[in-house]
Amino acid sequence: MLFRSLVAATALFAAVPAFAQEATPQAGDRPDIGAGAAQFIKPTNAERTQVLVGMLTTLGFTPEIQVFAGGNQATGPMEGANVVVTVGEGAKDIVLTAHYDAVKLRDGALSQGIVDNVGSVMAMMEAAKTLEMGLEGQPVAHRFVFVFTDQEELGLLGAKAFLEKHGKDRIAAVINADVAAYGQTIMYGENNGDQSDFVLETLRSLCAERGFDCMPYPVYPPSDDRAFSAAGVPVVSMGTQDAVGAHQMWLAFNGGENNGLKEGFVPPVFQRIHSAEDRLSYLKGVDVARFGLFIADLGLALDKRLVEIQAKDAAVAAETAPVAPASAPSNP
């Protein structure tokens, strides 16, 4: 996740329930998610790519690797690789994204990148498997395209490359996940343009239905969502934290000068990410699983909402269409 504005499987998944509210702490932790996340701790992002491809293959998917020319002024030219899997069929896509690359630290080593952003990657895999299992014999109107992006930390380059290759015409909505390794408070941004209003309304309704603690941020830290909103695509970016951490982050970004935080205080999440402290020990498998199932639920809710919007638009168009004048009777 880009926070520059604040600070300069073995058997991966067990059979999963259909709804997010069933993934409660009482169900026990998910050591499989922790074991899967540990595999991403590698010296290079290229090795993380191979880990991701292997996990998705183990889950029964056929991942597509989309190579792109990346890198920035600091790194020089650097090949990147987005990894894509598709669930279901449809003329339009609901795209679900999470970046899997980790930031390089000042000493040249790669961060473990668990909070930022392996937790979200594991949640997206949970969502993908849940949807694949749940949609058998249950047709939906949209494809679910899961895009695990590379080089987000270099300037959202993977998301931009995917958008350039895929185009925006097929994309009906985007769900982005970033910084989601622990906690049951779902944070989400409201700053992705008017075109995203129906996505936010759907998210709020789902939070109320599930009884989840969901916290809206008028200003939310940038992630891959910004590549899509810049193109006019409806999108929401989400993450998770414990309730106290989520409130502290809200105050840091939205509280203004007199935000109530002690002078010089930096929310713990920002002390962890982009540092050697972004470690596996922070990941909580049950929270990641719960978030993954919420993502799946949100994808299905957006599918339904988009169908309703399309039907309403069609009805309005039919009502406002000009009526052709009746032809005059011909003379005998």
Protein backbone atom coordinates (compact mmCIF):
# COMPACT_ATOMS: atom_id res chain seq x y z
CA MET A 1 0.00 0.00 0.00
CA LEU A 2 1.22 3.47 -0.82
CA PHE A 3 1.26 5.49 2.41
CA ARG A 4 3.60 8.27 1.31
CA SER A 5 1.12 10.88 2.50
CA LEU A 6 1.73 9.90 6.14
CA VAL A 7 5.19 8.36 6.43
CA ALA A 8 8.42 9.43 4.42
CA ALA A 9 0.00 -24.50 0.50
CA THR A 10 -0.04 -27.42 0.99
CA ALA A 11 -3.82 -27.72 1.52
CA LEU A 12 -4.39 -24.04 1.77
CA PHE A 13 -8.09 -23.89 2.36
CA ALA A 14 -10.55 -26.14 4.09
CA ALA A 15 -14.14 -26.35 2.87
CA VAL A 16 -15.40 -22.84 3.48
CA PRO A 17 -18.84 -21.63 4.51
CA ALA A 18 -20.99 -19.62 2.13
CA PHE A 19 -21.43 -16.51 4.23
CA ALA A 20 -18.97 -14.28 6.05
CA GLN A 21 -20.83 -14.23 9.32
CA GLU A 22 -20.13 -17.94 9.72
CA ALA A 23 -16.37 -17.32 9.89
CA THR A 24 -16.25 -16.37 13.55
CA PRO A 25 -13.38 -16.60 16.04
CA GLN A 26 -15.32 -19.38 17.76
CA ALA A 27 -14.67 -21.51 14.69
CA GLY A 28 -10.97 -21.60 15.58
CA ASP A 29 -7.97 -20.11 13.82
CA ARG A 30 -6.86 -21.00 10.30
CA PRO A 31 -3.30 -22.35 10.49
CA ASP A 32 -3.47 -23.19 6.78
CA ILE A 33 -3.65 -19.47 6.00
CA GLY A 34 -0.65 -18.78 8.21
CA ALA A 35 1.30 -21.58 6.54
CA GLY A 36 0.38 -20.25 3.12
CA ALA A 37 1.35 -16.70 4.02
CA ALA A 38 4.75 -17.90 5.29
CA GLN A 39 5.59 -19.20 1.82
CA PHE A 40 5.61 -15.63 0.48
CA ILE A 41 8.60 -14.69 2.62
CA LYS A 42 11.18 -14.71 -0.18
CA PRO A 43 14.20 -12.60 -1.16
CA THR A 44 12.58 -11.32 -4.39
CA ASN A 45 9.15 -10.46 -5.73
CA ALA A 46 9.76 -12.77 -8.69
CA GLU A 47 9.91 -15.67 -6.22
CA ARG A 48 6.68 -14.44 -4.66
CA THR A 49 5.11 -14.68 -8.11
CA GLN A 50 5.98 -18.37 -8.30
CA VAL A 51 4.59 -18.98 -4.81
CA LEU A 52 1.31 -17.36 -5.81
CA VAL A 53 1.03 -19.33 -9.04
CA GLY A 54 1.72 -22.55 -7.17
CA MET A 55 -0.94 -21.85 -4.55
CA LEU A 56 -3.59 -20.97 -7.11
CA THR A 57 -2.77 -24.11 -9.06
CA THR A 58 -3.05 -26.19 -5.89
CA LEU A 59 -6.50 -24.69 -5.36
CA GLY A 60 -7.56 -25.97 -8.77
CA PHE A 61 -7.26 -22.75 -10.78
CA THR A 62 -5.37 -22.22 -14.02
CA PRO A 63 -3.62 -18.90 -13.38
CA GLU A 64 -2.68 -16.66 -16.28
CA ILE A 65 0.59 -14.77 -15.91
CA GLN A 66 0.45 -11.38 -17.61
CA VAL A 67 3.97 -10.01 -17.97
CA PHE A 68 4.45 -6.26 -18.35
CA ALA A 69 7.33 -3.79 -18.68
CA GLY A 70 7.59 -2.12 -15.29
CA GLY A 71 10.07 -0.48 -12.98
CA ASN A 72 10.46 3.20 -12.22
CA GLN A 73 13.13 5.88 -12.17
CA ALA A 74 14.66 4.48 -8.99
CA THR A 75 14.78 0.84 -10.09
CA GLY A 76 15.25 1.18 -13.81
CA PRO A 77 13.38 -1.12 -16.22
CA MET A 78 11.98 -4.13 -14.37
CA GLU A 79 9.67 -6.84 -15.65
CA GLY A 80 6.48 -7.30 -13.67
CA ALA A 81 3.89 -10.06 -13.66
CA ASN A 82 0.19 -9.89 -12.80
CA VAL A 83 -1.47 -13.22 -12.00
CA VAL A 84 -5.10 -13.60 -13.07
CA VAL A 85 -7.79 -16.23 -12.44
CA THR A 86 -11.42 -16.09 -13.53
CA VAL A 87 -14.52 -17.54 -11.87
CA GLY A 88 -17.89 -17.77 -13.59
CA GLU A 89 -19.05 -16.31 -16.88
CA GLY A 90 -20.67 -13.10 -18.04
CA ALA A 91 -20.51 -10.26 -20.53
CA LYS A 92 -19.14 -7.89 -17.87
CA ASP A 93 -16.53 -8.34 -15.13
CA ILE A 94 -16.39 -7.70 -11.43
CA VAL A 95 -12.65 -7.37 -10.84
CA LEU A 96 -11.12 -8.20 -7.46
CA THR A 97 -7.56 -7.05 -6.85
CA ALA A 98 -4.79 -7.33 -4.28
CA HIS A 99 -1.11 -6.65 -4.83
CA TYR A 100 1.35 -9.38 -3.86
CA ASP A 101 4.64 -7.52 -4.23
CA ALA A 102 6.54 -6.33 -1.18
CA VAL A 103 8.55 -3.16 -0.73
CA LYS A 104 12.35 -3.19 -0.77
CA LEU A 105 13.83 -1.81 2.45
CA ARG A 106 16.69 0.65 2.77
CA ASP A 107 19.21 -2.11 3.36
CA GLY A 108 18.21 -3.73 0.06
CA ALA A 109 16.31 -6.63 1.64
CA LEU A 110 12.71 -7.33 0.77
CA SER A 111 10.10 -6.78 3.46
CA GLN A 112 8.15 -9.87 4.47
CA GLY A 113 5.15 -7.86 3.29
CA ILE A 114 2.58 -9.77 5.34
CA VAL A 115 0.36 -6.90 6.47
CA ASP A 116 1.17 -5.12 3.21
CA ASN A 117 -0.08 -7.21 1.51
CA VAL A 118 -0.01 -11.02 1.82
CA GLY A 119 -2.99 -10.96 4.18
CA SER A 120 -5.13 -9.45 1.43
CA VAL A 121 -3.79 -11.96 -1.10
CA MET A 122 -4.79 -14.86 1.14
CA ALA A 123 -8.23 -13.28 1.65
CA MET A 124 -8.69 -12.95 -2.11
CA MET A 125 -7.77 -16.60 -2.61
CA GLU A 126 -10.32 -17.51 0.05
CA ALA A 127 -12.92 -15.44 -1.83
CA ALA A 128 -12.02 -17.01 -5.18
CA LYS A 129 -12.35 -20.56 -3.88
CA THR A 130 -15.59 -19.72 -2.07
CA LEU A 131 -17.13 -18.28 -5.23
CA GLU A 132 -15.94 -21.17 -7.38
CA MET A 133 -17.52 -23.66 -4.99
CA GLY A 134 -20.67 -21.64 -4.42
CA LEU A 135 -21.46 -20.81 -8.05
CA GLU A 136 -21.72 -24.39 -9.29
CA GLY A 137 -25.17 -24.59 -10.82
CA GLN A 138 -25.96 -21.03 -9.74
CA PRO A 139 -25.52 -18.73 -12.73
CA VAL A 140 -24.57 -15.10 -12.16
CA ALA A 141 -24.55 -12.18 -14.56
CA HIS A 142 -20.86 -11.31 -14.24
CA ARG A 143 -17.47 -12.93 -14.38
CA PHE A 144 -15.34 -12.59 -11.27
CA VAL A 145 -11.80 -11.74 -12.37
CA PHE A 146 -9.21 -11.99 -9.60
CA VAL A 147 -6.10 -9.94 -10.38
CA PHE A 148 -3.07 -10.30 -8.12
CA THR A 149 -1.00 -7.31 -9.12
CA ASP A 150 2.74 -6.77 -9.12
CA GLN A 151 4.67 -3.52 -8.57
CA GLU A 152 1.96 -1.69 -6.66
CA GLU A 153 4.75 -0.45 -4.43
CA LEU A 154 6.48 1.13 -7.45
CA GLY A 155 3.49 3.27 -8.40
CA LEU A 156 0.45 1.02 -9.04
CA LEU A 157 2.20 -0.29 -12.14
CA GLY A 158 0.56 -3.72 -12.18
CA ALA A 159 -2.95 -2.29 -11.93
CA LYS A 160 -2.22 0.20 -14.70
CA ALA A 161 -0.80 -2.59 -16.89
CA PHE A 162 -3.87 -4.77 -16.31
CA LEU A 163 -6.21 -1.91 -17.14
CA GLU A 164 -4.28 -1.16 -20.32
CA LYS A 165 -4.40 -4.81 -21.41
CA HIS A 166 -7.93 -5.60 -20.29
CA GLY A 167 -9.56 -2.30 -21.08
CA LYS A 168 -12.29 -0.72 -18.96
CA ASP A 169 -15.31 -1.47 -21.14
CA ARG A 170 -15.84 -4.95 -19.64
CA ILE A 171 -15.34 -3.82 -16.04
CA ALA A 172 -18.56 -3.19 -14.12
CA ALA A 173 -16.95 -2.72 -10.69
CA VAL A 174 -13.68 -3.30 -8.82
CA ILE A 175 -13.01 -4.46 -5.25
CA ASN A 176 -9.46 -3.78 -4.04
CA ALA A 177 -7.96 -5.15 -0.82
CA ASP A 178 -4.83 -3.78 0.83
CA VAL A 179 -3.49 -4.08 4.40
CA ALA A 180 -5.73 -6.84 5.75
CA ALA A 181 -3.77 -9.31 7.88
CA TYR A 182 -5.60 -8.95 11.19
CA GLY A 183 -8.60 -7.32 12.86
CA GLN A 184 -12.34 -7.48 12.27
CA THR A 185 -13.02 -3.81 11.55
CA ILE A 186 -13.42 -3.33 7.81
CA MET A 187 -12.08 0.00 6.60
CA TYR A 188 -13.09 1.40 3.23
CA GLY A 189 -12.52 4.55 1.21
CA GLU A 190 -15.16 6.94 -0.05
CA ASN A 191 -12.85 8.96 -2.29
CA ASN A 192 -13.08 7.14 -5.62
CA GLY A 193 -15.51 9.33 -7.53
CA ASP A 194 -19.26 9.57 -8.03
CA GLN A 195 -19.23 6.55 -10.35
CA SER A 196 -18.42 4.43 -7.29
CA ASP A 197 -21.49 5.47 -5.27
CA PHE A 198 -23.45 2.29 -6.00
CA VAL A 199 -20.47 0.19 -4.88
CA LEU A 200 -20.37 2.03 -1.55
CA GLU A 201 -24.14 1.68 -1.11
CA THR A 202 -23.88 -2.05 -1.72
CA LEU A 203 -20.99 -2.33 0.74
CA ARG A 204 -22.85 -0.42 3.45
CA SER A 205 -25.94 -2.59 3.01
CA LEU A 206 -23.85 -5.74 3.32
CA CYS A 207 -22.12 -4.45 6.46
CA ALA A 208 -25.52 -3.76 8.05
CA GLU A 209 -26.89 -7.14 6.97
CA ARG A 210 -23.89 -9.00 8.38
CA GLY A 211 -23.64 -6.85 11.50
CA PHE A 212 -19.99 -6.08 10.72
CA ASP A 213 -18.03 -3.12 12.05
CA CYS A 214 -17.34 -1.17 8.86
CA MET A 215 -15.63 2.21 8.97
CA PRO A 216 -15.91 4.69 6.07
CA TYR A 217 -12.93 6.97 5.36
CA PRO A 218 -13.66 10.19 3.45
CA VAL A 219 -9.91 10.20 2.75
CA TYR A 220 -8.36 6.74 2.40
CA PRO A 221 -4.74 5.86 1.64
CA PRO A 222 -4.02 5.21 -2.04
CA SER A 223 -3.66 1.72 -3.44
CA ASP A 224 -4.40 0.04 -6.78
CA ASP A 225 -7.92 1.48 -6.59
CA ARG A 226 -6.56 4.83 -7.77
CA ALA A 227 -5.58 3.40 -11.16
CA PHE A 228 -9.19 2.34 -11.72
CA SER A 229 -10.87 5.47 -10.35
CA ALA A 230 -8.60 7.60 -12.55
CA ALA A 231 -10.05 5.72 -15.52
CA GLY A 232 -13.61 6.36 -14.33
CA VAL A 233 -14.19 2.77 -13.20
CA PRO A 234 -16.39 2.14 -10.12
CA VAL A 235 -14.14 0.87 -7.33
CA VAL A 236 -13.81 0.53 -3.57
CA SER A 237 -10.62 -0.10 -1.60
CA MET A 238 -10.84 -2.00 1.69
CA GLY A 239 -8.61 -3.23 4.49
CA THR A 240 -8.93 -4.55 8.03
CA GLN A 241 -7.55 -3.70 11.44
CA ASP A 242 -8.50 -4.01 15.06
CA ALA A 243 -11.05 -1.36 16.07
CA VAL A 244 -8.56 0.87 17.92
CA GLY A 245 -6.04 0.81 15.07
CA ALA A 246 -8.75 1.57 12.52
CA HIS A 247 -9.90 4.60 14.54
CA GLN A 248 -6.35 5.84 14.95
CA MET A 249 -5.79 5.59 11.21
CA TRP A 250 -9.09 7.40 10.56
CA LEU A 251 -8.01 10.27 12.79
CA ALA A 252 -4.58 10.45 11.13
CA PHE A 253 -6.12 10.87 7.68
CA ASN A 254 -9.41 12.62 8.43
CA GLY A 255 -9.11 14.34 11.81
CA GLY A 256 -7.36 17.49 10.66
CA GLU A 257 -4.79 19.37 12.73
CA ASN A 258 -6.60 18.82 16.01
CA ASN A 259 -7.26 15.13 15.48
CA GLY A 260 -6.86 14.13 19.12
CA LEU A 261 -3.75 12.06 18.50
CA LYS A 262 -0.67 12.84 20.56
CA GLU A 263 1.82 15.02 18.71
CA GLY A 264 4.21 12.82 16.77
CA PHE A 265 2.05 9.73 17.25
CA VAL A 266 2.11 7.30 14.30
CA PRO A 267 -0.60 4.62 14.19
CA PRO A 268 0.94 1.16 14.73
CA VAL A 269 0.00 -0.08 11.25
CA PHE A 270 2.25 2.58 9.71
CA GLN A 271 5.09 1.59 11.99
CA ARG A 272 4.79 -1.97 10.66
CA ILE A 273 4.32 -1.67 6.92
CA HIS A 274 7.22 -0.69 4.68
CA SER A 275 9.58 -1.81 7.42
CA ALA A 276 11.33 -4.88 8.78
CA GLU A 277 8.47 -5.10 11.30
CA ASP A 278 5.93 -6.21 8.67
CA ARG A 279 6.14 -9.81 9.86
CA LEU A 280 4.17 -13.03 9.79
CA SER A 281 3.52 -12.77 13.53
CA TYR A 282 0.86 -10.11 12.90
CA LEU A 283 -1.26 -12.31 10.64
CA LYS A 284 -4.40 -13.83 12.15
CA GLY A 285 -5.80 -16.56 9.94
CA VAL A 286 -9.38 -16.43 11.22
CA ASP A 287 -9.59 -12.69 10.51
CA VAL A 288 -8.19 -13.17 7.01
CA ALA A 289 -10.71 -15.95 6.32
CA ARG A 290 -13.57 -13.82 7.60
CA PHE A 291 -12.51 -10.95 5.35
CA GLY A 292 -12.17 -13.27 2.37
CA LEU A 293 -15.72 -14.50 2.78
CA PHE A 294 -16.94 -10.91 3.14
CA ILE A 295 -15.23 -10.12 -0.18
CA ALA A 296 -17.03 -13.04 -1.80
CA ASP A 297 -20.34 -11.83 -0.36
CA LEU A 298 -19.66 -8.32 -1.65
CA GLY A 299 -18.90 -9.66 -5.12
CA LEU A 300 -22.24 -11.49 -5.19
CA ALA A 301 -24.07 -8.46 -3.82
CA LEU A 302 -22.56 -6.27 -6.54
CA ASP A 303 -23.58 -8.79 -9.19
CA LYS A 304 -27.18 -8.56 -7.97
CA ARG A 305 -27.07 -4.77 -7.64
CA LEU A 306 -25.72 -4.32 -11.15
CA VAL A 307 -28.50 -6.47 -12.57
CA GLU A 308 -31.07 -4.32 -10.73
CA ILE A 309 -29.47 -1.13 -12.06
CA GLN A 310 -29.47 -2.48 -15.60
CA ALA A 311 -33.14 -3.48 -15.34
CA LYS A 312 -34.09 -0.08 -13.93
CA ASP A 313 -32.18 1.75 -16.66
CA ALA A 314 -33.87 -0.38 -19.31
CA ALA A 315 -37.31 0.37 -17.84
CA VAL A 316 -36.60 4.12 -17.78
CA ALA A 317 -35.35 4.01 -21.36
CA ALA A 318 -38.51 2.21 -22.46
CA GLU A 319 -40.73 4.77 -20.71
CA THR A 320 -38.96 7.76 -22.23
CA ALA A 321 -38.56 6.36 -25.73
CA PRO A 322 -40.49 8.43 -28.29
CA VAL A 323 -43.61 6.77 -29.61
CA ALA A 324 -43.73 6.54 -33.37
CA PRO A 325 -46.82 8.28 -34.82
CA ALA A 326 -49.51 5.99 -36.12
CA SER A 327 -49.55 5.84 -39.92
CA ALA A 328 -52.54 7.42 -41.63
CA PRO A 329 -55.02 4.99 -43.18
CA SER A 330 -54.60 4.61 -46.91
CA ASN A 331 -57.38 5.72 -49.28
CA PRO A 332 -59.32 2.98 -50.92
